[in-house]
Amino acid sequence: MNISLTSTTRVSTARLTAAGVLAAMRPRQWLKNLLVFGAPAAAGMLFSAQALADATLAFIAFTLAASGTYLINDTIDAPADQLHPTKRHRPIAAGILSGRVAVTGGVLLFAASLLPTAMIGREDFTGVLLVYIVMSVSYSLWLKQIAVVDLVVVAAGFGLRAVGGAFAIDVPLSQWFLIVSFFGALFVVAGKRFGEGRSLGEDAVKHRPTLSEYADSYTQHVMTLSSGITLLSYGLWAHDHGFLADSWFLASLMFLVMTLLRFALLVHAGKSDDPVEIVWRDRPLRVLTLVFLALVVVGIEIA
């Protein structure tokens, strides 16, 4: 009887640990890694079987690497997350998953990300993925403590996804596409910091020390600046691709503007301090984003 109970307890513990690891990998955040498909789409190769296969491998590689980062980051941030109204429910902060298991899982995920990378077989993509891993771990350890640098590093992580997508299918990467990716990400990151400052109030600094240096007016300025550069760079990218005079561009630009404005509205309304959660919860924002992406893909294919 005791042996049976012990075995049952071990199985239950193993299942709880596995569930905790999966939750700590933040499946909803995998949406960010879809940016690797941006370069294939911009190059008009999204419907090429080989390009789509390599881009999918790149998506898997970045997903594994990002999930490894989340496990290590949440281990480091556990004390601060316990003070956050929603992050305190994360597996590590809640005590469901031990830090030792999480760090081990993170290292294994980093190693696992090299398998799809090897299948792609391009050294430049491998280099981008390794830079992403090193930068993300450095961010978790100390870069997040430096104001402005923390914003730039997170935005650069999105830029590396875009670069990785281009390298995975071996196509030239437009400088304007890269700028759109980076400054679009900076707009989102600044919105996240604004939302955190608003939702956490006086406890904001306990959760993220750099928030003490970000006044609402400053993050609003960053959002305004980055959104303006994003729109300008998108126009220059469209010009380089002969897409500018086409009605598809005008329609896509309109939806890009509405997408940025909708996101800013939701952030200022305090709907959430997590951009991915905002996308998941707000149907109009999802529709605007999907229509914008569809218009871009169709426009490129027709041009």
Protein backbone atom coordinates (compact mmCIF):
# COMPACT_ATOMS: atom_id res chain seq x y z
CA MET A 1 0.00 0.00 0.00
CA ASN A 2 2.77 2.46 0.93
CA ILE A 3 4.67 1.58 -2.26
CA SER A 4 1.56 2.22 -4.33
CA LEU A 5 0.93 5.56 -2.66
CA THR A 6 4.55 6.56 -3.12
CA SER A 7 4.43 5.69 -6.83
CA THR A 8 1.20 7.62 -7.26
CA THR A 9 2.71 10.63 -5.48
CA ARG A 10 5.77 10.52 -7.71
CA VAL A 11 3.64 10.36 -10.85
CA SER A 12 1.51 13.27 -9.65
CA THR A 13 4.62 15.29 -8.80
CA ALA A 14 6.13 14.56 -12.20
CA ARG A 15 2.93 15.64 -13.95
CA LEU A 16 2.75 18.81 -11.86
CA THR A 17 6.38 19.60 -12.67
CA ALA A 18 5.83 18.98 -16.39
CA ALA A 19 2.76 21.22 -16.35
CA GLY A 20 4.74 23.86 -14.48
CA VAL A 21 7.58 23.76 -17.01
CA LEU A 22 5.12 24.08 -19.91
CA ALA A 23 3.35 27.02 -18.27
CA ALA A 24 6.70 28.69 -17.50
CA MET A 25 7.62 28.36 -21.19
CA ARG A 26 4.75 30.84 -21.81
CA PRO A 27 3.08 29.31 -24.90
CA ARG A 28 1.10 32.49 -25.61
CA GLN A 29 4.35 34.42 -25.96
CA TRP A 30 5.36 32.19 -28.87
CA LEU A 31 3.27 34.55 -30.98
CA LYS A 32 6.29 36.90 -30.99
CA ASN A 33 8.36 34.38 -32.92
CA LEU A 34 6.05 34.63 -35.93
CA LEU A 35 8.20 37.61 -36.87
CA VAL A 36 10.64 35.16 -38.50
CA PHE A 37 8.07 34.77 -41.28
CA GLY A 38 8.27 38.51 -41.98
CA ALA A 39 11.32 38.34 -44.23
CA PRO A 40 9.97 35.43 -46.33
CA ALA A 41 6.70 37.34 -46.73
CA ALA A 42 8.46 40.61 -47.61
CA ALA A 43 10.57 38.75 -50.19
CA GLY A 44 7.49 37.18 -51.77
CA MET A 45 8.70 33.69 -50.82
CA LEU A 46 6.17 32.82 -48.15
CA PHE A 47 4.49 30.28 -50.43
CA SER A 48 7.73 28.63 -51.52
CA ALA A 49 7.84 25.14 -49.99
CA GLN A 50 11.56 25.26 -49.13
CA ALA A 51 11.44 28.80 -47.77
CA LEU A 52 8.36 28.01 -45.69
CA ALA A 53 10.03 24.87 -44.32
CA ASP A 54 13.21 26.74 -43.34
CA ALA A 55 11.21 29.62 -41.83
CA THR A 56 9.19 27.11 -39.80
CA LEU A 57 12.41 25.57 -38.49
CA ALA A 58 13.58 29.08 -37.59
CA PHE A 59 10.30 29.66 -35.75
CA ILE A 60 10.80 26.43 -33.77
CA ALA A 61 14.40 27.35 -32.96
CA PHE A 62 13.46 30.81 -31.66
CA THR A 63 10.51 29.38 -29.75
CA LEU A 64 12.73 26.89 -27.92
CA ALA A 65 15.38 29.54 -27.25
CA ALA A 66 12.83 32.10 -26.04
CA SER A 67 11.17 29.54 -23.77
CA GLY A 68 14.57 28.71 -22.28
CA THR A 69 15.05 32.40 -21.60
CA TYR A 70 11.66 32.63 -19.89
CA LEU A 71 12.57 29.78 -17.53
CA ILE A 72 15.84 31.40 -16.52
CA ASN A 73 14.37 34.91 -16.36
CA ASP A 74 11.47 33.82 -14.16
CA THR A 75 13.89 32.08 -11.81
CA ILE A 76 15.86 35.29 -11.38
CA ASP A 77 12.72 37.42 -11.15
CA ALA A 78 10.79 35.15 -8.77
CA PRO A 79 11.09 37.47 -5.71
CA ALA A 80 9.92 40.50 -7.74
CA ASP A 81 7.18 38.50 -9.51
CA GLN A 82 5.72 37.55 -6.13
CA LEU A 83 4.89 41.25 -5.66
CA HIS A 84 3.09 41.49 -9.00
CA PRO A 85 -0.73 41.00 -9.06
CA THR A 86 -0.62 38.56 -12.00
CA LYS A 87 3.00 37.41 -12.34
CA ARG A 88 2.87 35.99 -8.81
CA HIS A 89 0.85 33.16 -10.34
CA ARG A 90 3.72 32.10 -12.57
CA PRO A 91 4.91 28.57 -11.67
CA ILE A 92 8.28 29.57 -10.21
CA ALA A 93 7.02 32.59 -8.28
CA ALA A 94 4.09 30.51 -6.98
CA GLY A 95 6.41 27.73 -5.80
CA ILE A 96 4.98 25.15 -8.21
CA LEU A 97 8.28 24.80 -10.05
CA SER A 98 11.71 24.90 -8.40
CA GLY A 99 14.36 27.27 -9.68
CA ARG A 100 16.82 24.40 -10.14
CA VAL A 101 14.45 22.50 -12.40
CA ALA A 102 13.62 25.68 -14.32
CA VAL A 103 17.27 26.57 -14.97
CA THR A 104 18.01 23.00 -16.04
CA GLY A 105 15.03 23.10 -18.36
CA GLY A 106 16.18 26.43 -19.78
CA VAL A 107 19.64 25.09 -20.60
CA LEU A 108 18.11 21.99 -22.22
CA LEU A 109 15.83 24.18 -24.33
CA PHE A 110 18.80 26.22 -25.49
CA ALA A 111 20.50 23.00 -26.54
CA ALA A 112 17.31 21.76 -28.22
CA SER A 113 17.06 24.98 -30.25
CA LEU A 114 20.28 24.01 -32.01
CA LEU A 115 18.62 20.96 -33.61
CA PRO A 116 16.27 22.87 -35.98
CA THR A 117 19.15 25.33 -36.43
CA ALA A 118 21.38 22.51 -37.65
CA MET A 119 18.62 21.36 -40.00
CA ILE A 120 18.57 24.83 -41.58
CA GLY A 121 22.31 24.52 -42.00
CA ARG A 122 23.24 28.19 -42.33
CA GLU A 123 26.01 29.62 -40.16
CA ASP A 124 24.62 33.14 -40.25
CA PHE A 125 21.30 31.97 -38.81
CA THR A 126 23.14 30.00 -36.13
CA GLY A 127 25.07 33.14 -35.24
CA VAL A 128 21.89 35.20 -34.93
CA LEU A 129 20.27 32.61 -32.66
CA LEU A 130 23.34 32.45 -30.41
CA VAL A 131 23.46 36.25 -30.19
CA TYR A 132 19.76 36.21 -29.23
CA ILE A 133 20.38 33.66 -26.46
CA VAL A 134 23.39 35.51 -25.04
CA MET A 135 21.62 38.87 -25.21
CA SER A 136 18.45 37.50 -23.60
CA VAL A 137 20.33 35.88 -20.72
CA SER A 138 22.39 39.06 -20.24
CA TYR A 139 19.14 41.01 -20.11
CA SER A 140 17.77 38.72 -17.41
CA LEU A 141 20.97 38.96 -15.36
CA TRP A 142 21.69 42.71 -15.47
CA LEU A 143 20.77 44.68 -18.60
CA LYS A 144 17.16 45.01 -17.43
CA GLN A 145 18.44 47.13 -14.56
CA ILE A 146 19.68 49.90 -16.90
CA ALA A 147 17.07 52.41 -18.06
CA VAL A 148 16.74 52.84 -21.84
CA VAL A 149 19.09 49.90 -22.41
CA ASP A 150 16.33 47.57 -21.23
CA LEU A 151 13.96 49.04 -23.84
CA VAL A 152 16.51 48.75 -26.64
CA VAL A 153 17.53 45.18 -25.79
CA VAL A 154 13.95 43.89 -25.77
CA ALA A 155 13.24 45.64 -29.08
CA ALA A 156 16.50 44.24 -30.49
CA GLY A 157 15.23 40.76 -29.66
CA PHE A 158 12.42 41.32 -32.14
CA GLY A 159 14.89 42.66 -34.67
CA LEU A 160 16.99 39.51 -34.34
CA ARG A 161 13.92 37.41 -35.09
CA ALA A 162 13.43 39.38 -38.31
CA VAL A 163 17.10 38.98 -39.22
CA GLY A 164 16.94 35.30 -38.39
CA GLY A 165 13.99 34.81 -40.72
CA ALA A 166 15.94 36.40 -43.57
CA PHE A 167 19.08 34.37 -42.90
CA ALA A 168 17.09 31.15 -42.60
CA ILE A 169 15.86 31.41 -46.18
CA ASP A 170 18.98 33.19 -47.45
CA VAL A 171 17.43 36.38 -48.82
CA PRO A 172 18.73 39.97 -48.59
CA LEU A 173 17.26 41.88 -45.67
CA SER A 174 15.94 45.35 -46.43
CA GLN A 175 17.26 47.96 -44.02
CA TRP A 176 13.80 49.53 -43.93
CA PHE A 177 12.17 46.22 -43.01
CA LEU A 178 14.65 45.85 -40.16
CA ILE A 179 13.97 49.40 -38.96
CA VAL A 180 10.21 48.79 -39.09
CA SER A 181 10.68 45.63 -37.01
CA PHE A 182 12.89 47.34 -34.42
CA PHE A 183 10.95 50.56 -33.95
CA GLY A 184 7.62 48.77 -34.10
CA ALA A 185 8.90 46.58 -31.27
CA LEU A 186 10.19 49.64 -29.39
CA PHE A 187 6.70 51.14 -29.63
CA VAL A 188 5.24 47.99 -28.07
CA VAL A 189 7.92 47.78 -25.34
CA ALA A 190 7.41 51.42 -24.38
CA GLY A 191 3.68 50.72 -24.19
CA LYS A 192 4.38 47.79 -21.90
CA ARG A 193 6.46 49.96 -19.57
CA PHE A 194 3.73 52.61 -19.55
CA GLY A 195 1.14 49.96 -18.70
CA GLU A 196 3.30 48.51 -15.92
CA GLY A 197 3.78 51.90 -14.36
CA ARG A 198 0.05 52.60 -14.44
CA SER A 199 -1.14 49.17 -13.24
CA LEU A 200 1.39 48.70 -10.43
CA GLY A 201 1.35 52.24 -9.07
CA GLU A 202 3.65 52.69 -6.08
CA ASP A 203 4.72 49.04 -6.26
CA ALA A 204 6.07 49.45 -9.79
CA VAL A 205 9.65 50.10 -8.67
CA LYS A 206 9.66 46.98 -6.49
CA HIS A 207 8.82 44.89 -9.52
CA ARG A 208 10.99 46.68 -12.10
CA PRO A 209 13.55 49.22 -10.77
CA THR A 210 13.90 51.08 -14.08
CA LEU A 211 10.27 52.17 -13.83
CA SER A 212 11.42 54.76 -11.29
CA GLU A 213 13.16 56.52 -14.20
CA TYR A 214 10.28 56.28 -16.67
CA ALA A 215 7.73 59.03 -16.23
CA ASP A 216 4.47 58.59 -18.14
CA SER A 217 5.41 61.52 -20.35
CA TYR A 218 8.70 59.82 -21.25
CA THR A 219 7.20 56.49 -22.28
CA GLN A 220 4.53 58.38 -24.23
CA HIS A 221 7.32 60.26 -26.00
CA VAL A 222 9.07 57.00 -26.89
CA MET A 223 5.80 55.59 -28.23
CA THR A 224 5.21 58.69 -30.36
CA LEU A 225 8.77 58.74 -31.69
CA SER A 226 8.93 55.02 -32.45
CA SER A 227 5.51 54.88 -34.11
CA GLY A 228 6.45 57.80 -36.36
CA ILE A 229 9.71 56.14 -37.43
CA THR A 230 7.87 52.86 -37.97
CA LEU A 231 5.38 54.44 -40.35
CA LEU A 232 8.05 56.41 -42.22
CA SER A 233 10.27 53.35 -42.60
CA TYR A 234 7.33 51.28 -43.79
CA GLY A 235 6.75 53.83 -46.54
CA LEU A 236 10.43 53.70 -47.55
CA TRP A 237 10.38 49.91 -47.55
CA ALA A 238 7.30 49.98 -49.77
CA HIS A 239 9.06 52.42 -52.10
CA ASP A 240 12.06 50.09 -52.44
CA HIS A 241 9.75 47.25 -53.42
CA GLY A 242 7.74 49.20 -55.97
CA PHE A 243 4.78 48.84 -53.65
CA LEU A 244 4.31 52.53 -52.88
CA ALA A 245 1.96 53.66 -55.66
CA ASP A 246 -0.21 50.60 -55.41
CA SER A 247 -3.58 50.80 -53.71
CA TRP A 248 -2.55 47.77 -51.63
CA PHE A 249 0.08 49.90 -49.92
CA LEU A 250 -2.38 52.69 -49.15
CA ALA A 251 -4.82 50.19 -47.66
CA SER A 252 -2.10 48.45 -45.63
CA LEU A 253 -0.77 51.80 -44.36
CA MET A 254 -4.25 52.74 -43.16
CA PHE A 255 -4.57 49.48 -41.24
CA LEU A 256 -1.05 49.81 -39.81
CA VAL A 257 -1.93 53.26 -38.47
CA MET A 258 -5.17 51.93 -36.96
CA THR A 259 -3.32 48.99 -35.41
CA LEU A 260 -0.80 51.28 -33.71
CA LEU A 261 -3.52 53.67 -32.55
CA ARG A 262 -5.68 50.83 -31.21
CA PHE A 263 -2.76 49.39 -29.25
CA ALA A 264 -1.92 52.81 -27.80
CA LEU A 265 -5.56 53.31 -26.82
CA LEU A 266 -5.71 49.99 -24.98
CA VAL A 267 -2.41 50.63 -23.18
CA HIS A 268 -3.54 54.06 -22.01
CA ALA A 269 -6.88 52.61 -20.92
CA GLY A 270 -4.99 50.20 -18.64
CA LYS A 271 -6.36 47.07 -20.29
CA SER A 272 -3.12 45.18 -19.66
CA ASP A 273 0.63 45.65 -19.27
CA ASP A 274 1.31 42.60 -21.46
CA PRO A 275 1.18 43.27 -25.24
CA VAL A 276 0.51 39.62 -26.09
CA GLU A 277 -2.41 39.53 -23.66
CA ILE A 278 -3.77 42.69 -25.25
CA VAL A 279 -3.69 41.02 -28.67
CA TRP A 280 -5.34 37.86 -27.36
CA ARG A 281 -8.11 39.71 -25.54
CA ASP A 282 -8.95 42.51 -27.98
CA ARG A 283 -10.76 41.29 -31.08
CA PRO A 284 -10.62 44.61 -33.00
CA LEU A 285 -6.83 44.72 -32.55
CA ARG A 286 -6.49 41.13 -33.78
CA VAL A 287 -8.64 41.89 -36.82
CA LEU A 288 -6.71 45.07 -37.65
CA THR A 289 -3.39 43.24 -37.36
CA LEU A 290 -4.49 40.29 -39.49
CA VAL A 291 -5.98 42.52 -42.20
CA PHE A 292 -2.77 44.58 -42.31
CA LEU A 293 -0.62 41.47 -42.70
CA ALA A 294 -2.95 40.01 -45.34
CA LEU A 295 -2.85 43.23 -47.36
CA VAL A 296 0.95 43.27 -47.25
CA VAL A 297 1.28 39.64 -48.35
CA VAL A 298 -1.29 39.97 -51.15
CA GLY A 299 0.21 43.29 -52.28
CA ILE A 300 3.71 41.80 -52.49
CA GLU A 301 2.49 38.75 -54.39
CA ILE A 302 0.64 40.94 -56.90
CA ALA A 303 3.35 43.62 -57.30
